Amino acid sequence: MDTTTIVALIVALGGWALAGVTAWLNYRTKVDETFFHALDWLSGGSQKRNLGIAVVESTWQRRRFRRISTPLLCNSAVYLLLRTESRDSPNELNNLRRIMHLLTAPKKIPREHQFHYETLLTALDERPGAQQNDRGLTIIPATELASWKEALATFLPQRPQLDQRDHERRSEID
């Protein structure tokens, strides 16, 4: 082989490598755009939330997306537990079940997400007494609430038990 052929092969291989890297970067950018756009859907109605959860489910195995999704899913779950006006919506109950399935699946949680899981556990503690409240899902079976609390409690350090006075003080603050 002469020098011209070798240079041509090197340039061609370099071109293919550059094309491959460019294609990979474009793909990654498109996946990121879709993911971040889907996060907006978590704040919509039940059907938009359904779409947002579907995208999060499809990216859940990727750590970089899970780190971003976890706080958003915890907040969405708290919203469905305590604040939604769709109190008896089967669609929202299904959305909550899907969120809780994702959040209770890991064997342990990163320290950076501990606060979010504690907030969610607190909301689960408040849900049974929130039946008189005019917001939050009311059609959640008690067995599911209990199993979610049990699963979340395994991730978190032991919390001190609140007595009745603590609950009264907390309700005065709210």
N, C-alpha and C. Protein backbone atom coordinates (compact mmCIF):
# COMPACT_ATOMS: atom_id res chain seq x y z
N MET A 1 0.83 -1.18 0.00
CA MET A 1 0.00 0.00 0.00
C MET A 1 0.87 1.24 0.00
N ASP A 2 0.46 2.16 -0.76
CA ASP A 2 1.24 3.39 -0.80
C ASP A 2 0.71 4.38 0.24
N THR A 3 1.42 5.46 0.44
CA THR A 3 1.11 6.46 1.45
C THR A 3 -0.25 7.11 1.20
N THR A 4 -0.58 7.35 -0.05
CA THR A 4 -1.85 7.99 -0.38
C THR A 4 -3.04 7.12 0.04
N THR A 5 -2.94 5.84 -0.17
CA THR A 5 -4.02 4.92 0.22
C THR A 5 -4.16 4.88 1.74
N ILE A 6 -3.05 4.85 2.45
CA ILE A 6 -3.08 4.81 3.91
C ILE A 6 -3.71 6.09 4.46
N VAL A 7 -3.32 7.23 3.92
CA VAL A 7 -3.90 8.51 4.37
C VAL A 7 -5.40 8.53 4.08
N ALA A 8 -5.79 8.04 2.90
CA ALA A 8 -7.21 8.01 2.54
C ALA A 8 -7.99 7.12 3.50
N LEU A 9 -7.43 5.97 3.87
CA LEU A 9 -8.09 5.07 4.83
C LEU A 9 -8.21 5.71 6.21
N ILE A 10 -7.17 6.38 6.63
CA ILE A 10 -7.20 7.04 7.94
C ILE A 10 -8.25 8.14 7.95
N VAL A 11 -8.30 8.93 6.90
CA VAL A 11 -9.30 10.01 6.80
C VAL A 11 -10.70 9.41 6.76
N ALA A 12 -10.89 8.32 6.01
CA ALA A 12 -12.21 7.68 5.92
C ALA A 12 -12.63 7.13 7.29
N LEU A 13 -11.70 6.46 7.98
CA LEU A 13 -12.02 5.93 9.32
C LEU A 13 -12.33 7.06 10.30
N GLY A 14 -11.57 8.14 10.18
CA GLY A 14 -11.85 9.30 11.03
C GLY A 14 -13.22 9.89 10.76
N GLY A 15 -13.60 9.93 9.49
CA GLY A 15 -14.93 10.42 9.11
C GLY A 15 -16.04 9.54 9.66
N TRP A 16 -15.84 8.21 9.57
CA TRP A 16 -16.83 7.28 10.13
C TRP A 16 -16.92 7.41 11.65
N ALA A 17 -15.78 7.56 12.28
CA ALA A 17 -15.79 7.72 13.74
C ALA A 17 -16.51 9.01 14.13
N LEU A 18 -16.23 10.09 13.43
CA LEU A 18 -16.90 11.36 13.72
C LEU A 18 -18.40 11.25 13.47
N ALA A 19 -18.80 10.58 12.41
CA ALA A 19 -20.22 10.39 12.11
C ALA A 19 -20.89 9.57 13.22
N GLY A 20 -20.20 8.54 13.70
CA GLY A 20 -20.75 7.72 14.78
C GLY A 20 -20.93 8.50 16.06
N VAL A 21 -19.93 9.29 16.43
CA VAL A 21 -20.01 10.11 17.64
C VAL A 21 -21.13 11.14 17.50
N THR A 22 -21.24 11.77 16.34
CA THR A 22 -22.28 12.75 16.10
C THR A 22 -23.67 12.11 16.20
N ALA A 23 -23.84 10.94 15.62
CA ALA A 23 -25.13 10.24 15.70
C ALA A 23 -25.47 9.90 17.14
N TRP A 24 -24.48 9.41 17.89
CA TRP A 24 -24.71 9.07 19.30
C TRP A 24 -25.08 10.31 20.11
N LEU A 25 -24.39 11.42 19.88
CA LEU A 25 -24.72 12.66 20.60
C LEU A 25 -26.10 13.18 20.23
N ASN A 26 -26.47 13.08 18.96
CA ASN A 26 -27.82 13.49 18.55
C ASN A 26 -28.88 12.62 19.20
N TYR A 27 -28.64 11.33 19.25
CA TYR A 27 -29.59 10.41 19.90
C TYR A 27 -29.72 10.75 21.39
N ARG A 28 -28.61 10.95 22.04
CA ARG A 28 -28.64 11.26 23.47
C ARG A 28 -29.36 12.59 23.73
N THR A 29 -29.12 13.57 22.89
CA THR A 29 -29.79 14.86 23.02
C THR A 29 -31.29 14.70 22.84
N LYS A 30 -31.71 13.90 21.87
CA LYS A 30 -33.14 13.69 21.63
C LYS A 30 -33.78 12.96 22.81
N VAL A 31 -33.10 11.97 23.36
CA VAL A 31 -33.62 11.26 24.53
C VAL A 31 -33.75 12.22 25.71
N ASP A 32 -32.75 13.05 25.92
CA ASP A 32 -32.80 14.04 27.01
C ASP A 32 -33.96 15.01 26.81
N GLU A 33 -34.13 15.51 25.58
CA GLU A 33 -35.23 16.44 25.30
C GLU A 33 -36.58 15.80 25.58
N THR A 34 -36.75 14.57 25.14
CA THR A 34 -38.01 13.86 25.37
C THR A 34 -38.25 13.66 26.86
N PHE A 35 -37.21 13.28 27.56
CA PHE A 35 -37.32 13.05 29.00
C PHE A 35 -37.71 14.34 29.72
N PHE A 36 -37.02 15.42 29.45
CA PHE A 36 -37.30 16.67 30.15
C PHE A 36 -38.67 17.23 29.76
N HIS A 37 -39.08 17.03 28.53
CA HIS A 37 -40.42 17.44 28.13
C HIS A 37 -41.47 16.61 28.88
N ALA A 38 -41.20 15.33 29.06
CA ALA A 38 -42.14 14.46 29.77
C ALA A 38 -42.30 14.86 31.23
N LEU A 39 -41.28 15.44 31.81
CA LEU A 39 -41.40 15.87 33.21
C LEU A 39 -42.48 16.93 33.37
N ASP A 40 -42.70 17.74 32.35
CA ASP A 40 -43.80 18.71 32.38
C ASP A 40 -45.14 18.00 32.49
N TRP A 41 -45.24 16.83 31.90
CA TRP A 41 -46.51 16.09 31.91
C TRP A 41 -46.88 15.61 33.31
N LEU A 42 -45.90 15.46 34.19
CA LEU A 42 -46.22 15.01 35.55
C LEU A 42 -47.10 16.01 36.29
N SER A 43 -47.08 17.26 35.87
CA SER A 43 -47.86 18.28 36.56
C SER A 43 -49.22 18.51 35.92
N GLY A 44 -49.56 17.76 34.90
CA GLY A 44 -50.84 17.95 34.22
C GLY A 44 -51.94 17.13 34.86
N GLY A 45 -53.01 16.92 34.13
CA GLY A 45 -54.11 16.09 34.60
C GLY A 45 -53.72 14.63 34.59
N SER A 46 -54.69 13.77 34.83
CA SER A 46 -54.38 12.34 34.98
C SER A 46 -53.78 11.74 33.71
N GLN A 47 -54.27 12.14 32.53
CA GLN A 47 -53.73 11.56 31.30
C GLN A 47 -52.33 12.08 30.99
N LYS A 48 -52.08 13.37 31.24
CA LYS A 48 -50.72 13.89 31.05
C LYS A 48 -49.77 13.24 32.05
N ARG A 49 -50.23 13.11 33.29
CA ARG A 49 -49.40 12.46 34.31
C ARG A 49 -49.09 11.02 33.88
N ASN A 50 -50.07 10.35 33.30
CA ASN A 50 -49.89 8.99 32.79
C ASN A 50 -48.76 8.94 31.76
N LEU A 51 -48.75 9.89 30.83
CA LEU A 51 -47.68 9.95 29.82
C LEU A 51 -46.32 10.22 30.46
N GLY A 52 -46.29 11.16 31.41
CA GLY A 52 -45.03 11.47 32.09
C GLY A 52 -44.48 10.26 32.83
N ILE A 53 -45.36 9.53 33.50
CA ILE A 53 -44.93 8.33 34.23
C ILE A 53 -44.40 7.28 33.26
N ALA A 54 -45.05 7.15 32.10
CA ALA A 54 -44.59 6.17 31.11
C ALA A 54 -43.17 6.48 30.65
N VAL A 55 -42.87 7.74 30.43
CA VAL A 55 -41.52 8.11 30.01
C VAL A 55 -40.53 7.84 31.15
N VAL A 56 -40.90 8.19 32.37
CA VAL A 56 -40.01 7.92 33.51
C VAL A 56 -39.79 6.42 33.65
N GLU A 57 -40.85 5.62 33.49
CA GLU A 57 -40.70 4.16 33.56
C GLU A 57 -39.71 3.66 32.51
N SER A 58 -39.76 4.24 31.33
CA SER A 58 -38.87 3.77 30.26
C SER A 58 -37.41 4.16 30.49
N THR A 59 -37.17 5.17 31.32
CA THR A 59 -35.80 5.62 31.57
C THR A 59 -35.32 5.30 32.98
N TRP A 60 -36.13 4.62 33.77
CA TRP A 60 -35.86 4.41 35.19
C TRP A 60 -34.54 3.66 35.42
N GLN A 61 -34.15 2.79 34.53
CA GLN A 61 -32.92 2.01 34.73
C GLN A 61 -31.67 2.84 34.54
N ARG A 62 -31.79 4.00 33.94
CA ARG A 62 -30.63 4.88 33.75
C ARG A 62 -30.48 5.76 34.98
N ARG A 63 -29.37 5.64 35.65
CA ARG A 63 -29.14 6.32 36.91
C ARG A 63 -29.29 7.84 36.80
N ARG A 64 -28.80 8.41 35.72
CA ARG A 64 -28.84 9.87 35.61
C ARG A 64 -30.28 10.36 35.52
N PHE A 65 -31.17 9.58 34.91
CA PHE A 65 -32.58 9.97 34.86
C PHE A 65 -33.28 9.67 36.19
N ARG A 66 -32.92 8.58 36.82
CA ARG A 66 -33.53 8.21 38.11
C ARG A 66 -33.22 9.26 39.17
N ARG A 67 -32.02 9.82 39.13
CA ARG A 67 -31.65 10.87 40.10
C ARG A 67 -32.54 12.09 39.97
N ILE A 68 -32.94 12.42 38.75
CA ILE A 68 -33.81 13.57 38.52
C ILE A 68 -35.27 13.20 38.79
N SER A 69 -35.66 11.99 38.43
CA SER A 69 -37.06 11.57 38.52
C SER A 69 -37.53 11.33 39.94
N THR A 70 -36.66 10.84 40.80
CA THR A 70 -37.09 10.45 42.14
C THR A 70 -37.76 11.58 42.91
N PRO A 71 -37.15 12.77 43.01
CA PRO A 71 -37.84 13.84 43.75
C PRO A 71 -39.17 14.22 43.10
N LEU A 72 -39.23 14.22 41.78
CA LEU A 72 -40.47 14.57 41.09
C LEU A 72 -41.55 13.53 41.33
N LEU A 73 -41.18 12.27 41.31
CA LEU A 73 -42.17 11.22 41.58
C LEU A 73 -42.64 11.27 43.02
N CYS A 74 -41.73 11.53 43.94
CA CYS A 74 -42.14 11.65 45.35
C CYS A 74 -43.14 12.79 45.52
N ASN A 75 -42.86 13.93 44.90
CA ASN A 75 -43.77 15.07 45.00
C ASN A 75 -45.10 14.78 44.31
N SER A 76 -45.07 14.08 43.19
CA SER A 76 -46.32 13.72 42.51
C SER A 76 -47.15 12.78 43.38
N ALA A 77 -46.48 11.85 44.04
CA ALA A 77 -47.20 10.92 44.93
C ALA A 77 -47.82 11.68 46.11
N VAL A 78 -47.07 12.60 46.69
CA VAL A 78 -47.61 13.40 47.80
C VAL A 78 -48.82 14.20 47.32
N TYR A 79 -48.72 14.77 46.14
CA TYR A 79 -49.84 15.52 45.58
C TYR A 79 -51.07 14.62 45.43
N LEU A 80 -50.89 13.42 44.88
CA LEU A 80 -52.02 12.52 44.69
C LEU A 80 -52.59 12.05 46.03
N LEU A 81 -51.73 11.86 47.01
CA LEU A 81 -52.19 11.41 48.32
C LEU A 81 -52.97 12.49 49.07
N LEU A 82 -52.51 13.73 48.98
CA LEU A 82 -53.05 14.76 49.87
C LEU A 82 -53.71 15.95 49.20
N ARG A 83 -53.47 16.20 47.92
CA ARG A 83 -53.91 17.47 47.35
C ARG A 83 -54.79 17.37 46.10
N THR A 84 -54.79 16.25 45.41
CA THR A 84 -55.58 16.20 44.17
C THR A 84 -57.06 16.39 44.47
N GLU A 85 -57.74 17.02 43.55
CA GLU A 85 -59.19 17.18 43.69
C GLU A 85 -59.93 16.00 43.08
N SER A 86 -59.22 15.12 42.40
CA SER A 86 -59.80 13.90 41.81
C SER A 86 -59.79 12.81 42.87
N ARG A 87 -60.65 12.94 43.85
CA ARG A 87 -60.62 12.09 45.04
C ARG A 87 -60.89 10.62 44.76
N ASP A 88 -61.72 10.33 43.76
CA ASP A 88 -62.09 8.94 43.51
C ASP A 88 -61.78 8.51 42.08
N SER A 89 -60.71 9.06 41.52
CA SER A 89 -60.34 8.78 40.14
C SER A 89 -59.53 7.48 40.03
N PRO A 90 -60.08 6.49 39.33
CA PRO A 90 -59.31 5.25 39.11
C PRO A 90 -58.02 5.50 38.32
N ASN A 91 -58.06 6.48 37.39
CA ASN A 91 -56.85 6.80 36.62
C ASN A 91 -55.75 7.33 37.52
N GLU A 92 -56.10 8.22 38.44
CA GLU A 92 -55.09 8.77 39.35
C GLU A 92 -54.61 7.71 40.33
N LEU A 93 -55.49 6.81 40.75
CA LEU A 93 -55.06 5.71 41.61
C LEU A 93 -54.05 4.83 40.88
N ASN A 94 -54.32 4.57 39.60
CA ASN A 94 -53.36 3.79 38.81
C ASN A 94 -52.04 4.53 38.67
N ASN A 95 -52.11 5.85 38.45
CA ASN A 95 -50.88 6.64 38.36
C ASN A 95 -50.09 6.54 39.67
N LEU A 96 -50.79 6.66 40.79
CA LEU A 96 -50.12 6.55 42.10
C LEU A 96 -49.49 5.18 42.27
N ARG A 97 -50.19 4.14 41.89
CA ARG A 97 -49.64 2.78 42.00
C ARG A 97 -48.37 2.64 41.17
N ARG A 98 -48.36 3.18 39.97
CA ARG A 98 -47.18 3.10 39.11
C ARG A 98 -46.02 3.88 39.71
N ILE A 99 -46.31 5.05 40.26
CA ILE A 99 -45.27 5.85 40.91
C ILE A 99 -44.70 5.08 42.10
N MET A 100 -45.57 4.55 42.93
CA MET A 100 -45.11 3.84 44.13
C MET A 100 -44.35 2.57 43.76
N HIS A 101 -44.73 1.94 42.67
CA HIS A 101 -43.98 0.76 42.21
C HIS A 101 -42.53 1.13 41.89
N LEU A 102 -42.35 2.25 41.22
CA LEU A 102 -40.99 2.70 40.91
C LEU A 102 -40.23 3.08 42.18
N LEU A 103 -40.89 3.82 43.06
CA LEU A 103 -40.20 4.34 44.23
C LEU A 103 -39.88 3.27 45.27
N THR A 104 -40.66 2.20 45.29
CA THR A 104 -40.40 1.15 46.29
C THR A 104 -39.58 0.00 45.72
N ALA A 105 -39.19 0.07 44.46
CA ALA A 105 -38.43 -1.01 43.83
C ALA A 105 -36.97 -1.11 44.27
N PRO A 106 -36.26 0.01 44.50
CA PRO A 106 -34.84 -0.13 44.83
C PRO A 106 -34.62 -0.83 46.17
N LYS A 107 -33.46 -1.42 46.28
CA LYS A 107 -33.10 -2.07 47.55
C LYS A 107 -32.64 -1.05 48.58
N LYS A 108 -32.07 0.04 48.11
CA LYS A 108 -31.68 1.14 49.00
C LYS A 108 -31.74 2.42 48.20
N ILE A 109 -31.80 3.53 48.91
CA ILE A 109 -31.90 4.81 48.23
C ILE A 109 -30.64 5.63 48.50
N PRO A 110 -30.28 6.48 47.54
CA PRO A 110 -29.13 7.36 47.79
C PRO A 110 -29.48 8.36 48.90
N ARG A 111 -28.49 8.75 49.62
CA ARG A 111 -28.68 9.70 50.71
C ARG A 111 -29.34 11.00 50.23
N GLU A 112 -29.02 11.41 49.01
CA GLU A 112 -29.57 12.65 48.47
C GLU A 112 -31.09 12.60 48.33
N HIS A 113 -31.68 11.40 48.28
CA HIS A 113 -33.13 11.27 48.13
C HIS A 113 -33.84 10.95 49.45
N GLN A 114 -33.12 10.84 50.52
CA GLN A 114 -33.72 10.46 51.79
C GLN A 114 -34.82 11.44 52.20
N PHE A 115 -34.57 12.73 52.04
CA PHE A 115 -35.56 13.73 52.41
C PHE A 115 -36.87 13.53 51.65
N HIS A 116 -36.78 13.24 50.36
CA HIS A 116 -37.97 13.06 49.53
C HIS A 116 -38.77 11.84 49.98
N TYR A 117 -38.05 10.76 50.29
CA TYR A 117 -38.73 9.56 50.78
C TYR A 117 -39.36 9.80 52.15
N GLU A 118 -38.69 10.57 53.00
CA GLU A 118 -39.28 10.90 54.31
C GLU A 118 -40.55 11.72 54.15
N THR A 119 -40.54 12.67 53.22
CA THR A 119 -41.73 13.47 52.94
C THR A 119 -42.87 12.59 52.45
N LEU A 120 -42.56 11.66 51.58
CA LEU A 120 -43.58 10.74 51.08
C LEU A 120 -44.11 9.85 52.20
N LEU A 121 -43.25 9.37 53.04
CA LEU A 121 -43.69 8.53 54.16
C LEU A 121 -44.59 9.32 55.11
N THR A 122 -44.26 10.57 55.34
CA THR A 122 -45.11 11.42 56.17
C THR A 122 -46.50 11.59 55.53
N ALA A 123 -46.53 11.77 54.22
CA ALA A 123 -47.81 11.90 53.52
C ALA A 123 -48.63 10.61 53.63
N LEU A 124 -47.94 9.47 53.55
CA LEU A 124 -48.65 8.20 53.73
C LEU A 124 -49.20 8.08 55.14
N ASP A 125 -48.45 8.58 56.12
CA ASP A 125 -48.95 8.57 57.50
C ASP A 125 -50.18 9.46 57.65
N GLU A 126 -50.20 10.57 56.94
CA GLU A 126 -51.32 11.52 57.05
C GLU A 126 -52.54 11.08 56.27
N ARG A 127 -52.39 10.28 55.24
CA ARG A 127 -53.51 9.94 54.35
C ARG A 127 -54.71 9.33 55.07
N PRO A 128 -54.56 8.36 55.96
CA PRO A 128 -55.77 7.79 56.57
C PRO A 128 -56.61 8.83 57.32
N GLY A 129 -55.98 9.79 57.97
CA GLY A 129 -56.71 10.81 58.70
C GLY A 129 -57.21 11.92 57.82
N ALA A 130 -56.83 11.89 56.55
CA ALA A 130 -57.21 12.98 55.65
C ALA A 130 -58.54 12.69 54.96
N GLN A 131 -59.25 11.67 55.39
CA GLN A 131 -60.52 11.33 54.75
C GLN A 131 -61.51 12.48 54.81
N GLN A 132 -61.45 13.28 55.87
CA GLN A 132 -62.36 14.41 55.98
C GLN A 132 -61.90 15.59 55.11
N ASN A 133 -60.67 15.57 54.72
CA ASN A 133 -60.12 16.63 53.88
C ASN A 133 -60.86 16.63 52.55
N ASP A 134 -60.93 17.76 51.90
CA ASP A 134 -61.62 17.81 50.62
C ASP A 134 -60.69 17.51 49.45
N ARG A 135 -59.48 17.08 49.73
CA ARG A 135 -58.52 16.79 48.65
C ARG A 135 -57.79 15.49 48.94
N GLY A 136 -57.19 14.96 47.90
CA GLY A 136 -56.39 13.73 48.01
C GLY A 136 -57.22 12.51 47.65
N LEU A 137 -56.56 11.52 47.08
CA LEU A 137 -57.25 10.28 46.71
C LEU A 137 -57.82 9.60 47.95
N THR A 138 -59.07 9.21 47.86
CA THR A 138 -59.73 8.54 48.99
C THR A 138 -60.02 7.08 48.70
N ILE A 139 -59.70 6.61 47.51
CA ILE A 139 -60.04 5.23 47.13
C ILE A 139 -58.84 4.29 47.23
N ILE A 140 -57.84 4.69 47.96
CA ILE A 140 -56.65 3.84 48.10
C ILE A 140 -56.94 2.79 49.17
N PRO A 141 -56.83 1.52 48.83
CA PRO A 141 -57.05 0.49 49.85
C PRO A 141 -56.04 0.61 50.99
N ALA A 142 -56.51 0.41 52.20
CA ALA A 142 -55.65 0.53 53.39
C ALA A 142 -54.48 -0.44 53.32
N THR A 143 -54.68 -1.60 52.71
CA THR A 143 -53.59 -2.57 52.59
C THR A 143 -52.45 -2.04 51.72
N GLU A 144 -52.81 -1.29 50.68
CA GLU A 144 -51.77 -0.70 49.83
C GLU A 144 -51.01 0.39 50.57
N LEU A 145 -51.74 1.24 51.27
CA LEU A 145 -51.07 2.28 52.07
C LEU A 145 -50.08 1.64 53.04
N ALA A 146 -50.52 0.59 53.70
CA ALA A 146 -49.66 -0.09 54.68
C ALA A 146 -48.44 -0.71 54.02
N SER A 147 -48.63 -1.34 52.85
CA SER A 147 -47.47 -1.98 52.19
C SER A 147 -46.49 -0.93 51.68
N TRP A 148 -46.98 0.20 51.20
CA TRP A 148 -46.09 1.27 50.76
C TRP A 148 -45.30 1.84 51.94
N LYS A 149 -45.99 2.04 53.06
CA LYS A 149 -45.30 2.56 54.24
C LYS A 149 -44.22 1.59 54.71
N GLU A 150 -44.55 0.33 54.70
CA GLU A 150 -43.58 -0.69 55.12
C GLU A 150 -42.37 -0.71 54.20
N ALA A 151 -42.61 -0.62 52.88
CA ALA A 151 -41.50 -0.64 51.92
C ALA A 151 -40.62 0.60 52.09
N LEU A 152 -41.23 1.76 52.25
CA LEU A 152 -40.45 2.99 52.41
C LEU A 152 -39.68 2.99 53.73
N ALA A 153 -40.29 2.44 54.76
CA ALA A 153 -39.64 2.43 56.07
C ALA A 153 -38.35 1.62 56.05
N THR A 154 -38.25 0.64 55.16
CA THR A 154 -37.02 -0.16 55.09
C THR A 154 -35.86 0.66 54.55
N PHE A 155 -36.14 1.73 53.78
CA PHE A 155 -35.09 2.56 53.22
C PHE A 155 -34.56 3.59 54.20
N LEU A 156 -35.36 3.93 55.17
CA LEU A 156 -35.08 5.10 56.00
C LEU A 156 -34.65 4.70 57.40
N PRO A 157 -33.85 5.53 58.04
CA PRO A 157 -33.52 5.25 59.44
C PRO A 157 -34.79 5.36 60.28
N GLN A 158 -34.76 4.73 61.43
CA GLN A 158 -35.92 4.76 62.31
C GLN A 158 -36.31 6.18 62.64
N ARG A 159 -37.59 6.46 62.51
CA ARG A 159 -38.11 7.77 62.86
C ARG A 159 -38.67 7.71 64.27
N PRO A 160 -38.52 8.79 65.01
CA PRO A 160 -39.13 8.80 66.34
C PRO A 160 -40.65 8.78 66.20
N GLN A 161 -41.30 8.06 67.08
CA GLN A 161 -42.75 8.00 67.08
C GLN A 161 -43.32 9.30 67.62
N LEU A 162 -44.28 9.85 66.91
CA LEU A 162 -44.92 11.08 67.36
C LEU A 162 -46.07 10.72 68.30
N ASP A 163 -46.19 11.47 69.38
CA ASP A 163 -47.34 11.26 70.24
C ASP A 163 -48.46 12.22 69.82
N GLN A 164 -49.60 12.14 70.49
CA GLN A 164 -50.77 12.92 70.12
C GLN A 164 -50.48 14.42 70.14
N ARG A 165 -49.67 14.89 71.10
CA ARG A 165 -49.35 16.33 71.18
C ARG A 165 -48.59 16.79 69.95
N ASP A 166 -47.69 15.94 69.43
CA ASP A 166 -46.95 16.30 68.22
C ASP A 166 -47.90 16.45 67.02
N HIS A 167 -48.87 15.54 66.91
CA HIS A 167 -49.84 15.64 65.83
C HIS A 167 -50.69 16.90 65.96
N GLU A 168 -51.05 17.25 67.20
CA GLU A 168 -51.85 18.45 67.42
C GLU A 168 -51.06 19.70 67.06
N ARG A 169 -49.78 19.76 67.47
CA ARG A 169 -48.94 20.90 67.12
C ARG A 169 -48.77 21.03 65.62
N ARG A 170 -48.59 19.89 64.97
CA ARG A 170 -48.41 19.88 63.53
C ARG A 170 -49.66 20.39 62.82
N SER A 171 -50.84 20.00 63.28
CA SER A 171 -52.06 20.46 62.63
C SER A 171 -52.29 21.94 62.89
N GLU A 172 -51.80 22.48 64.04
CA GLU A 172 -51.91 23.91 64.29
C GLU A 172 -51.04 24.70 63.31
N ILE A 173 -49.88 24.14 62.95
CA ILE A 173 -48.97 24.81 62.02
C ILE A 173 -49.57 24.84 60.63
N ASP A 174 -50.20 23.72 60.23
CA ASP A 174 -50.80 23.64 58.90
C ASP A 174 -51.96 24.59 58.83
